[in-house]
Amino acid sequence: MIGKLLDALFGCRHPRYSFPVTVRHSKRRPQAAMLTGTYVVCLECGREFAYDWQEMQVITSPERHRERLAELAKHAA
């Protein structure tokens, strides 16, 4: 229980992740892959994170990622 509280406050700070995994449409997607269809796993704690292939980076804040996509779409129009 204390671990969940600390994780909610500070999140995963580990530097090592798995290679990005892209989930096919016919398979059940992990929660982390719902945003982009691709995710990585922390090799230290096992936590899953969404991954953006265009930016080639781990998405730690889905809300901030959505805002950035909306901002880019606005500039493209």
N, C-alpha and C. Protein backbone atom coordinates (compact mmCIF):
# COMPACT_ATOMS: atom_id res chain seq x y z
N MET A 1 0.82 -1.20 0.00
CA MET A 1 0.00 0.00 0.00
C MET A 1 0.87 1.26 0.00
N ILE A 2 1.92 1.25 0.78
CA ILE A 2 2.81 2.40 0.82
C ILE A 2 3.51 2.55 -0.52
N GLY A 3 3.86 1.42 -1.15
CA GLY A 3 4.50 1.44 -2.46
C GLY A 3 3.61 2.10 -3.50
N LYS A 4 2.31 1.82 -3.46
CA LYS A 4 1.37 2.42 -4.42
C LYS A 4 1.27 3.93 -4.19
N LEU A 5 1.29 4.35 -2.95
CA LEU A 5 1.23 5.78 -2.63
C LEU A 5 2.48 6.49 -3.14
N LEU A 6 3.65 5.92 -2.90
CA LEU A 6 4.89 6.53 -3.38
C LEU A 6 4.94 6.55 -4.90
N ASP A 7 4.44 5.48 -5.52
CA ASP A 7 4.41 5.44 -6.98
C ASP A 7 3.47 6.50 -7.54
N ALA A 8 2.35 6.73 -6.89
CA ALA A 8 1.42 7.76 -7.34
C ALA A 8 2.02 9.16 -7.20
N LEU A 9 2.82 9.36 -6.15
CA LEU A 9 3.43 10.67 -5.93
C LEU A 9 4.64 10.91 -6.81
N PHE A 10 5.51 9.92 -6.95
CA PHE A 10 6.77 10.12 -7.64
C PHE A 10 6.89 9.38 -8.96
N GLY A 11 6.14 8.33 -9.16
CA GLY A 11 6.20 7.56 -10.40
C GLY A 11 7.48 6.77 -10.52
N CYS A 12 7.68 6.20 -11.66
CA CYS A 12 8.86 5.38 -11.94
C CYS A 12 10.00 6.30 -12.40
N ARG A 13 11.13 6.20 -11.77
CA ARG A 13 12.29 7.02 -12.13
C ARG A 13 13.43 6.16 -12.68
N HIS A 14 13.14 4.94 -13.02
CA HIS A 14 14.17 4.04 -13.52
C HIS A 14 14.53 4.41 -14.96
N PRO A 15 15.81 4.30 -15.33
CA PRO A 15 16.25 4.73 -16.67
C PRO A 15 16.20 3.65 -17.75
N ARG A 16 15.94 2.39 -17.40
CA ARG A 16 16.03 1.31 -18.38
C ARG A 16 14.65 0.80 -18.77
N TYR A 17 14.38 0.80 -20.09
CA TYR A 17 13.10 0.33 -20.62
C TYR A 17 13.32 -0.75 -21.65
N SER A 18 12.28 -1.54 -21.88
CA SER A 18 12.33 -2.55 -22.94
C SER A 18 12.27 -1.88 -24.30
N PHE A 19 12.47 -2.66 -25.35
CA PHE A 19 12.29 -2.14 -26.70
C PHE A 19 10.80 -1.88 -26.91
N PRO A 20 10.42 -0.85 -27.63
CA PRO A 20 8.98 -0.57 -27.85
C PRO A 20 8.25 -1.74 -28.51
N VAL A 21 7.07 -2.02 -28.00
CA VAL A 21 6.22 -3.11 -28.50
C VAL A 21 4.96 -2.50 -29.10
N THR A 22 4.67 -2.79 -30.35
CA THR A 22 3.45 -2.33 -31.00
C THR A 22 2.45 -3.47 -31.01
N VAL A 23 1.25 -3.21 -30.52
CA VAL A 23 0.22 -4.23 -30.40
C VAL A 23 -0.63 -4.25 -31.65
N ARG A 24 -0.88 -5.44 -32.17
CA ARG A 24 -1.76 -5.56 -33.34
C ARG A 24 -3.20 -5.30 -32.93
N HIS A 25 -4.01 -4.93 -33.90
CA HIS A 25 -5.40 -4.55 -33.61
C HIS A 25 -6.23 -5.71 -33.09
N SER A 26 -5.91 -6.93 -33.49
CA SER A 26 -6.74 -8.06 -33.10
C SER A 26 -6.47 -8.52 -31.68
N LYS A 27 -5.35 -8.11 -31.10
CA LYS A 27 -5.01 -8.54 -29.75
C LYS A 27 -5.50 -7.53 -28.72
N ARG A 28 -5.66 -8.02 -27.51
CA ARG A 28 -6.05 -7.15 -26.40
C ARG A 28 -4.88 -6.22 -26.07
N ARG A 29 -5.14 -4.94 -25.94
CA ARG A 29 -4.08 -3.96 -25.68
C ARG A 29 -3.92 -3.72 -24.18
N PRO A 30 -2.68 -3.61 -23.73
CA PRO A 30 -2.46 -3.17 -22.35
C PRO A 30 -2.91 -1.71 -22.22
N GLN A 31 -3.17 -1.28 -21.01
CA GLN A 31 -3.63 0.08 -20.77
C GLN A 31 -2.63 1.11 -21.31
N ALA A 32 -1.35 0.84 -21.19
CA ALA A 32 -0.33 1.78 -21.66
C ALA A 32 -0.36 1.95 -23.18
N ALA A 33 -0.81 0.94 -23.90
CA ALA A 33 -0.83 1.01 -25.37
C ALA A 33 -2.10 1.63 -25.92
N MET A 34 -3.04 1.99 -25.09
CA MET A 34 -4.30 2.58 -25.56
C MET A 34 -4.09 3.93 -26.24
N LEU A 35 -3.11 4.69 -25.80
CA LEU A 35 -2.89 6.04 -26.33
C LEU A 35 -2.26 6.03 -27.72
N THR A 36 -1.21 5.25 -27.90
CA THR A 36 -0.49 5.27 -29.18
C THR A 36 -0.44 3.93 -29.88
N GLY A 37 -0.80 2.84 -29.20
CA GLY A 37 -0.70 1.51 -29.78
C GLY A 37 0.65 0.87 -29.54
N THR A 38 1.58 1.63 -28.96
CA THR A 38 2.93 1.14 -28.67
C THR A 38 3.25 1.44 -27.21
N TYR A 39 3.96 0.51 -26.57
CA TYR A 39 4.34 0.73 -25.18
C TYR A 39 5.71 0.14 -24.89
N VAL A 40 6.30 0.57 -23.77
CA VAL A 40 7.56 0.03 -23.27
C VAL A 40 7.33 -0.38 -21.82
N VAL A 41 8.22 -1.23 -21.31
CA VAL A 41 8.11 -1.70 -19.93
C VAL A 41 9.40 -1.34 -19.20
N CYS A 42 9.26 -0.82 -17.99
CA CYS A 42 10.43 -0.53 -17.15
C CYS A 42 11.06 -1.86 -16.75
N LEU A 43 12.34 -2.01 -16.97
CA LEU A 43 13.03 -3.26 -16.65
C LEU A 43 13.32 -3.41 -15.17
N GLU A 44 13.13 -2.35 -14.40
CA GLU A 44 13.37 -2.42 -12.96
C GLU A 44 12.10 -2.79 -12.19
N CYS A 45 10.98 -2.10 -12.50
CA CYS A 45 9.77 -2.31 -11.70
C CYS A 45 8.62 -2.95 -12.48
N GLY A 46 8.73 -3.05 -13.81
CA GLY A 46 7.69 -3.70 -14.59
C GLY A 46 6.53 -2.80 -14.99
N ARG A 47 6.62 -1.53 -14.69
CA ARG A 47 5.54 -0.61 -15.05
C ARG A 47 5.53 -0.35 -16.56
N GLU A 48 4.34 -0.25 -17.15
CA GLU A 48 4.20 -0.03 -18.59
C GLU A 48 3.92 1.44 -18.88
N PHE A 49 4.52 1.95 -19.98
CA PHE A 49 4.35 3.33 -20.40
C PHE A 49 4.05 3.38 -21.89
N ALA A 50 3.22 4.32 -22.28
CA ALA A 50 2.97 4.54 -23.70
C ALA A 50 4.25 5.06 -24.34
N TYR A 51 4.43 4.78 -25.63
CA TYR A 51 5.63 5.20 -26.35
C TYR A 51 5.22 5.85 -27.66
N ASP A 52 5.82 6.98 -27.99
CA ASP A 52 5.52 7.71 -29.21
C ASP A 52 6.65 7.49 -30.21
N TRP A 53 6.37 6.80 -31.32
CA TRP A 53 7.38 6.52 -32.34
C TRP A 53 7.83 7.78 -33.07
N GLN A 54 6.94 8.76 -33.28
CA GLN A 54 7.32 9.99 -33.98
C GLN A 54 8.34 10.78 -33.17
N GLU A 55 8.11 10.91 -31.90
CA GLU A 55 9.01 11.65 -31.02
C GLU A 55 10.13 10.76 -30.48
N MET A 56 9.96 9.45 -30.60
CA MET A 56 10.90 8.46 -30.08
C MET A 56 11.18 8.69 -28.60
N GLN A 57 10.09 8.77 -27.82
CA GLN A 57 10.24 8.96 -26.38
C GLN A 57 9.09 8.32 -25.63
N VAL A 58 9.34 8.06 -24.36
CA VAL A 58 8.34 7.49 -23.47
C VAL A 58 7.37 8.59 -23.07
N ILE A 59 6.09 8.27 -23.06
CA ILE A 59 5.07 9.23 -22.65
C ILE A 59 4.75 8.98 -21.19
N THR A 60 5.18 9.87 -20.32
CA THR A 60 4.93 9.70 -18.89
C THR A 60 3.66 10.42 -18.46
N SER A 61 3.21 11.39 -19.24
CA SER A 61 1.99 12.13 -18.92
C SER A 61 1.06 12.13 -20.13
N PRO A 62 0.06 11.24 -20.15
CA PRO A 62 -0.86 11.19 -21.30
C PRO A 62 -1.59 12.51 -21.55
N GLU A 63 -1.92 13.24 -20.49
CA GLU A 63 -2.64 14.50 -20.66
C GLU A 63 -1.77 15.51 -21.40
N ARG A 64 -0.51 15.60 -21.02
CA ARG A 64 0.41 16.52 -21.67
C ARG A 64 0.62 16.12 -23.13
N HIS A 65 0.66 14.82 -23.40
CA HIS A 65 0.84 14.33 -24.78
C HIS A 65 -0.36 14.70 -25.64
N ARG A 66 -1.58 14.55 -25.11
CA ARG A 66 -2.79 14.93 -25.86
C ARG A 66 -2.80 16.42 -26.16
N GLU A 67 -2.41 17.23 -25.17
CA GLU A 67 -2.35 18.69 -25.38
C GLU A 67 -1.36 19.04 -26.48
N ARG A 68 -0.21 18.38 -26.48
CA ARG A 68 0.81 18.64 -27.49
C ARG A 68 0.34 18.25 -28.87
N LEU A 69 -0.36 17.12 -28.99
CA LEU A 69 -0.90 16.71 -30.28
C LEU A 69 -1.94 17.70 -30.79
N ALA A 70 -2.79 18.19 -29.90
CA ALA A 70 -3.79 19.18 -30.29
C ALA A 70 -3.11 20.48 -30.75
N GLU A 71 -2.05 20.86 -30.06
CA GLU A 71 -1.30 22.07 -30.43
C GLU A 71 -0.64 21.90 -31.79
N LEU A 72 -0.05 20.74 -32.05
CA LEU A 72 0.57 20.48 -33.35
C LEU A 72 -0.47 20.46 -34.48
N ALA A 73 -1.64 19.91 -34.20
CA ALA A 73 -2.71 19.87 -35.22
C ALA A 73 -3.19 21.29 -35.53
N LYS A 74 -3.22 22.14 -34.52
CA LYS A 74 -3.63 23.53 -34.72
C LYS A 74 -2.65 24.27 -35.61
N HIS A 75 -1.36 24.04 -35.39
CA HIS A 75 -0.32 24.70 -36.20
C HIS A 75 -0.28 24.16 -37.63
N ALA A 76 -0.63 22.90 -37.79
CA ALA A 76 -0.61 22.29 -39.14
C ALA A 76 -1.77 22.79 -40.01
N ALA A 77 -2.86 23.17 -39.35
CA ALA A 77 -4.05 23.62 -40.11
C ALA A 77 -3.93 25.04 -40.61
